[in-house]
Amino acid sequence: MTAETIGVTGADGFLGDHVVRALEATGEARLRRIALHEVPSTSFANAAAPREALDILVHLAWRGVPSSPQRFADDCLENLHGSVRLLEWAAQAGVRKIVFAS
């Protein structure tokens, strides 16, 4: 059986670091850290698929602490918009499973 390729957003954060270490410890998956700047911001019709096909996407990238009380709504919208873009990109790229931590 071929190892699954798992993409992880937020891999440098607290949760992401632990998830990546746990997955690496199994030795059963190929891991790829996904930077959100790799995800196209507008046109999905011509969006480039990930460099390597992903079987599973673990989405942990999220701005958890508002940058300021005055920006709370903007931070929430940025998180939501980024997640929707990521999910559309994953669907376009043929990702079979998505794990979303909330």
Protein backbone atom coordinates (compact mmCIF):
# COMPACT_ATOMS: atom_id res chain seq x y z
CA MET A 1 0.00 0.00 0.00
CA THR A 2 1.29 3.44 -0.92
CA ALA A 3 1.67 5.99 1.86
CA GLU A 4 -0.89 8.77 1.82
CA THR A 5 0.23 12.32 1.20
CA ILE A 6 -1.00 14.65 3.91
CA GLY A 7 -0.89 18.42 3.59
CA VAL A 8 -0.94 20.46 6.79
CA THR A 9 -1.70 24.17 7.05
CA GLY A 10 -0.55 25.87 10.22
CA ALA A 11 2.21 23.29 10.67
CA ASP A 12 4.41 25.82 12.47
CA GLY A 13 1.79 26.62 15.09
CA PHE A 14 1.26 24.90 18.43
CA LEU A 15 -1.29 22.33 17.23
CA GLY A 16 0.27 21.96 13.80
CA ASP A 17 3.70 21.18 15.24
CA HIS A 18 2.25 18.41 17.41
CA VAL A 19 0.19 16.97 14.55
CA VAL A 20 3.17 16.96 12.19
CA ARG A 21 5.41 15.30 14.81
CA ALA A 22 2.79 12.63 15.51
CA LEU A 23 2.34 11.90 11.80
CA GLU A 24 6.08 11.80 11.22
CA ALA A 25 6.47 9.37 14.11
CA THR A 26 4.20 6.84 12.40
CA GLY A 27 6.39 6.83 9.30
CA GLU A 28 3.31 5.88 7.28
CA ALA A 29 2.56 9.16 5.54
CA ARG A 30 4.30 11.66 3.30
CA LEU A 31 3.87 15.14 4.77
CA ARG A 32 3.70 18.46 3.04
CA ARG A 33 3.43 21.78 4.81
CA ILE A 34 0.97 24.00 2.97
CA ALA A 35 1.54 27.74 3.13
CA LEU A 36 -1.66 29.66 2.60
CA HIS A 37 0.06 31.97 0.10
CA GLU A 38 0.20 28.91 -2.21
CA VAL A 39 -3.60 28.95 -2.41
CA PRO A 40 -4.93 31.18 -5.20
CA SER A 41 -6.93 34.15 -4.00
CA THR A 42 -9.50 34.43 -6.77
CA SER A 43 -9.64 32.25 -9.88
CA PHE A 44 -10.03 28.56 -9.20
CA ALA A 45 -10.69 27.68 -12.82
CA ASN A 46 -7.00 28.13 -13.59
CA ALA A 47 -5.69 27.33 -10.12
CA ALA A 48 -2.56 25.27 -9.99
CA ALA A 49 -2.97 21.97 -8.22
CA PRO A 50 -0.60 21.28 -5.35
CA ARG A 51 2.92 20.37 -6.50
CA GLU A 52 2.26 16.88 -5.22
CA ALA A 53 -1.26 15.43 -5.15
CA LEU A 54 -2.73 15.42 -1.66
CA ASP A 55 -4.88 12.64 -0.26
CA ILE A 56 -5.69 14.42 3.00
CA LEU A 57 -5.62 18.07 4.04
CA VAL A 58 -5.35 18.98 7.72
CA HIS A 59 -6.35 22.63 8.12
CA LEU A 60 -4.90 24.17 11.27
CA ALA A 61 -3.96 27.65 10.03
CA TRP A 62 -6.03 30.19 11.87
CA ARG A 63 -5.42 33.54 13.45
CA GLY A 64 -6.50 32.66 16.97
CA VAL A 65 -5.86 35.88 18.81
CA PRO A 66 -7.31 39.07 17.34
CA SER A 67 -4.61 41.54 16.41
CA SER A 68 -6.61 44.16 18.32
CA PRO A 69 -10.14 44.51 19.72
CA GLN A 70 -10.92 46.95 16.91
CA ARG A 71 -9.91 44.35 14.28
CA PHE A 72 -11.81 41.40 15.74
CA ALA A 73 -14.44 41.34 12.97
CA ASP A 74 -11.80 41.80 10.25
CA ASP A 75 -9.70 38.96 11.69
CA CYS A 76 -12.74 36.66 11.72
CA LEU A 77 -13.54 37.51 8.11
CA GLU A 78 -9.92 36.92 7.05
CA ASN A 79 -9.99 33.49 8.72
CA LEU A 80 -13.30 32.59 7.13
CA HIS A 81 -12.35 33.85 3.66
CA GLY A 82 -9.00 32.07 3.79
CA SER A 83 -10.61 28.81 4.86
CA VAL A 84 -13.23 28.96 2.11
CA ARG A 85 -10.48 29.63 -0.48
CA LEU A 86 -8.51 26.70 0.88
CA LEU A 87 -11.50 24.34 0.76
CA GLU A 88 -12.33 25.36 -2.82
CA TRP A 89 -8.68 24.86 -3.80
CA ALA A 90 -8.65 21.44 -2.14
CA ALA A 91 -11.81 20.39 -3.96
CA GLN A 92 -10.35 21.57 -7.28
CA ALA A 93 -7.14 19.65 -6.54
CA GLY A 94 -9.01 16.41 -5.78
CA VAL A 95 -8.21 16.16 -2.07
CA ARG A 96 -10.15 13.16 -0.75
CA LYS A 97 -10.40 14.07 2.96
CA ILE A 98 -10.23 17.27 4.94
CA VAL A 99 -9.62 17.53 8.67
CA PHE A 100 -10.60 20.92 10.13
CA ALA A 101 -9.81 21.77 13.72
CA SER A 102 -12.12 24.34 15.21
